[in-house]
C-alpha atoms as a PDB file:
ATOM      1  CA  MET A   1     193.073 140.206 133.623  1.00  0.00           C
ATOM      2  CA  GLY A   2     193.517 140.995 129.960  1.00  0.00           C
ATOM      3  CA  SER A   3     196.472 140.219 127.737  1.00  0.00           C
ATOM      4  CA  GLY A   4     197.428 143.904 127.669  1.00  0.00           C
ATOM      5  CA  ASN A   5     197.926 143.810 131.433  1.00  0.00           C
ATOM      6  CA  VAL A   6     200.229 140.770 131.517  1.00  0.00           C
ATOM      7  CA  VAL A   7     203.800 140.989 130.250  1.00  0.00           C
ATOM      8  CA  SER A   8     204.756 137.386 131.025  1.00  0.00           C
ATOM      9  CA  ALA A   9     204.271 134.506 133.421  1.00  0.00           C
ATOM     10  CA  ASN A  10     206.524 131.742 134.629  1.00  0.00           C
ATOM     11  CA  SER A  11     206.347 128.903 137.096  1.00  0.00           C
ATOM     12  CA  GLN A  12     208.700 126.982 139.297  1.00  0.00           C
ATOM     13  CA  PRO A  13     208.341 124.144 141.780  1.00  0.00           C
ATOM     14  CA  THR A  14     207.939 125.053 145.441  1.00  0.00           C
ATOM     15  CA  GLU A  15     206.470 123.610 148.632  1.00  0.00           C
ATOM     16  CA  ASP A  16     203.490 124.617 150.715  1.00  0.00           C
ATOM     17  CA  LEU A  17     203.682 125.111 154.491  1.00  0.00           C
ATOM     18  CA  ASP A  18     203.139 121.381 155.053  1.00  0.00           C
ATOM     19  CA  GLY A  19     206.022 120.414 152.751  1.00  0.00           C
ATOM     20  CA  ASN A  20     203.758 119.281 149.923  1.00  0.00           C
ATOM     21  CA  GLU A  21     204.819 119.915 146.347  1.00  0.00           C
ATOM     22  CA  ALA A  22     203.304 123.094 144.891  1.00  0.00           C
ATOM     23  CA  LEU A  23     203.833 125.555 142.053  1.00  0.00           C
ATOM     24  CA  GLU A  24     204.810 129.196 142.317  1.00  0.00           C
ATOM     25  CA  ILE A  25     203.436 131.120 139.368  1.00  0.00           C
ATOM     26  CA  MET A  26     204.799 134.645 138.894  1.00  0.00           C
ATOM     27  CA  VAL A  27     202.716 136.927 136.707  1.00  0.00           C
ATOM     28  CA  ILE A  28     204.593 140.023 135.506  1.00  0.00           C
ATOM     29  CA  LEU A  29     202.181 142.897 135.015  1.00  0.00           C
ATOM     30  CA  ALA A  30     202.514 145.857 132.661  1.00  0.00           C
ATOM     31  CA  PRO A  31     203.173 149.266 134.219  1.00  0.00           C
ATOM     32  CA  GLY A  32     199.903 150.716 135.482  1.00  0.00           C
ATOM     33  CA  ALA A  33     198.094 147.392 135.206  1.00  0.00           C
ATOM     34  CA  PRO A  34     197.562 146.838 138.951  1.00  0.00           C
ATOM     35  CA  ALA A  35     195.324 149.909 139.140  1.00  0.00           C
ATOM     36  CA  SER A  36     193.109 148.646 136.315  1.00  0.00           C
ATOM     37  CA  ILE A  37     192.683 145.001 137.361  1.00  0.00           C
ATOM     38  CA  SER A  38     189.652 144.178 139.482  1.00  0.00           C
ATOM     39  CA  GLY A  39     189.544 141.609 142.239  1.00  0.00           C
ATOM     40  CA  GLY A  40     187.044 139.671 140.163  1.00  0.00           C
ATOM     41  CA  ALA A  41     189.508 139.462 137.296  1.00  0.00           C
ATOM     42  CA  VAL A  42     192.171 138.076 139.636  1.00  0.00           C
ATOM     43  CA  ILE A  43     189.757 135.443 140.989  1.00  0.00           C
ATOM     44  CA  ASN A  44     188.664 134.490 137.455  1.00  0.00           C
ATOM     45  CA  THR A  45     192.303 134.089 136.414  1.00  0.00           C
ATOM     46  CA  LEU A  46     193.121 131.925 139.429  1.00  0.00           C
ATOM     47  CA  THR A  47     190.057 129.757 138.767  1.00  0.00           C
ATOM     48  CA  ARG A  48     191.023 129.366 135.116  1.00  0.00           C
ATOM     49  CA  VAL A  49     194.609 128.432 136.050  1.00  0.00           C
ATOM     50  CA  LEU A  50     193.386 125.851 138.601  1.00  0.00           C
ATOM     51  CA  ASN A  51     190.996 124.306 136.064  1.00  0.00           C
ATOM     52  CA  ASP A  52     193.590 124.213 133.277  1.00  0.00           C
ATOM     53  CA  LEU A  53     196.196 122.634 135.553  1.00  0.00           C
ATOM     54  CA  GLN A  54     193.726 119.965 136.694  1.00  0.00           C
ATOM     55  CA  LYS A  55     192.775 119.189 133.079  1.00  0.00           C
ATOM     56  CA  ALA A  56     196.488 118.760 132.319  1.00  0.00           C
ATOM     57  CA  GLY A  57     196.856 116.302 135.206  1.00  0.00           C
ATOM     58  CA  GLU A  58     198.751 118.727 137.442  1.00  0.00           C
ATOM     59  CA  ASP A  59     197.700 118.341 141.060  1.00  0.00           C
ATOM     60  CA  ARG A  60     200.180 120.717 142.725  1.00  0.00           C
ATOM     61  CA  PHE A  61     198.545 123.833 144.164  1.00  0.00           C
ATOM     62  CA  PRO A  62     199.493 127.034 142.287  1.00  0.00           C
ATOM     63  CA  PHE A  63     200.581 129.946 144.459  1.00  0.00           C
ATOM     64  CA  MET A  64     200.001 132.981 142.261  1.00  0.00           C
ATOM     65  CA  ARG A  65     202.279 135.995 142.675  1.00  0.00           C
ATOM     66  CA  TYR A  66     201.891 139.293 140.862  1.00  0.00           C
ATOM     67  CA  ALA A  67     204.389 142.112 140.341  1.00  0.00           C
ATOM     68  CA  THR A  68     205.380 144.726 137.812  1.00  0.00           C
ATOM     69  CA  GLU A  69     208.884 144.691 136.349  1.00  0.00           C
ATOM     70  CA  GLN A  70     209.619 147.828 138.382  1.00  0.00           C
ATOM     71  CA  GLU A  71     208.525 146.149 141.618  1.00  0.00           C
ATOM     72  CA  LEU A  72     210.757 143.157 140.884  1.00  0.00           C
ATOM     73  CA  LYS A  73     213.669 145.481 140.163  1.00  0.00           C
ATOM     74  CA  GLU A  74     213.114 147.329 143.466  1.00  0.00           C
ATOM     75  CA  LEU A  75     212.948 144.030 145.378  1.00  0.00           C
ATOM     76  CA  ALA A  76     216.186 142.847 143.775  1.00  0.00           C
ATOM     77  CA  GLU A  77     217.903 146.128 144.648  1.00  0.00           C
ATOM     78  CA  ALA A  78     216.712 145.877 148.249  1.00  0.00           C
ATOM     79  CA  ASP A  79     218.254 142.394 148.508  1.00  0.00           C
ATOM     80  CA  ASP A  80     221.683 143.684 147.419  1.00  0.00           C
END
């Protein structure tokens, strides 16, 4: 996806629909980045994350989420 398109990323434990342990990975994108990122780049990133997690011994499935800082701000305001 390109380092210029990603502001930050963080993860937290979650569960899948069956109650199995999983990871939620939130990728914060730079303004304008969503328009410049191809579907192939997203798939390549997910594949790389899956492979790196497996190499590290992590077997929880990563649910990848993407948002810009502005989108997160708007979601937080809507929840208020």
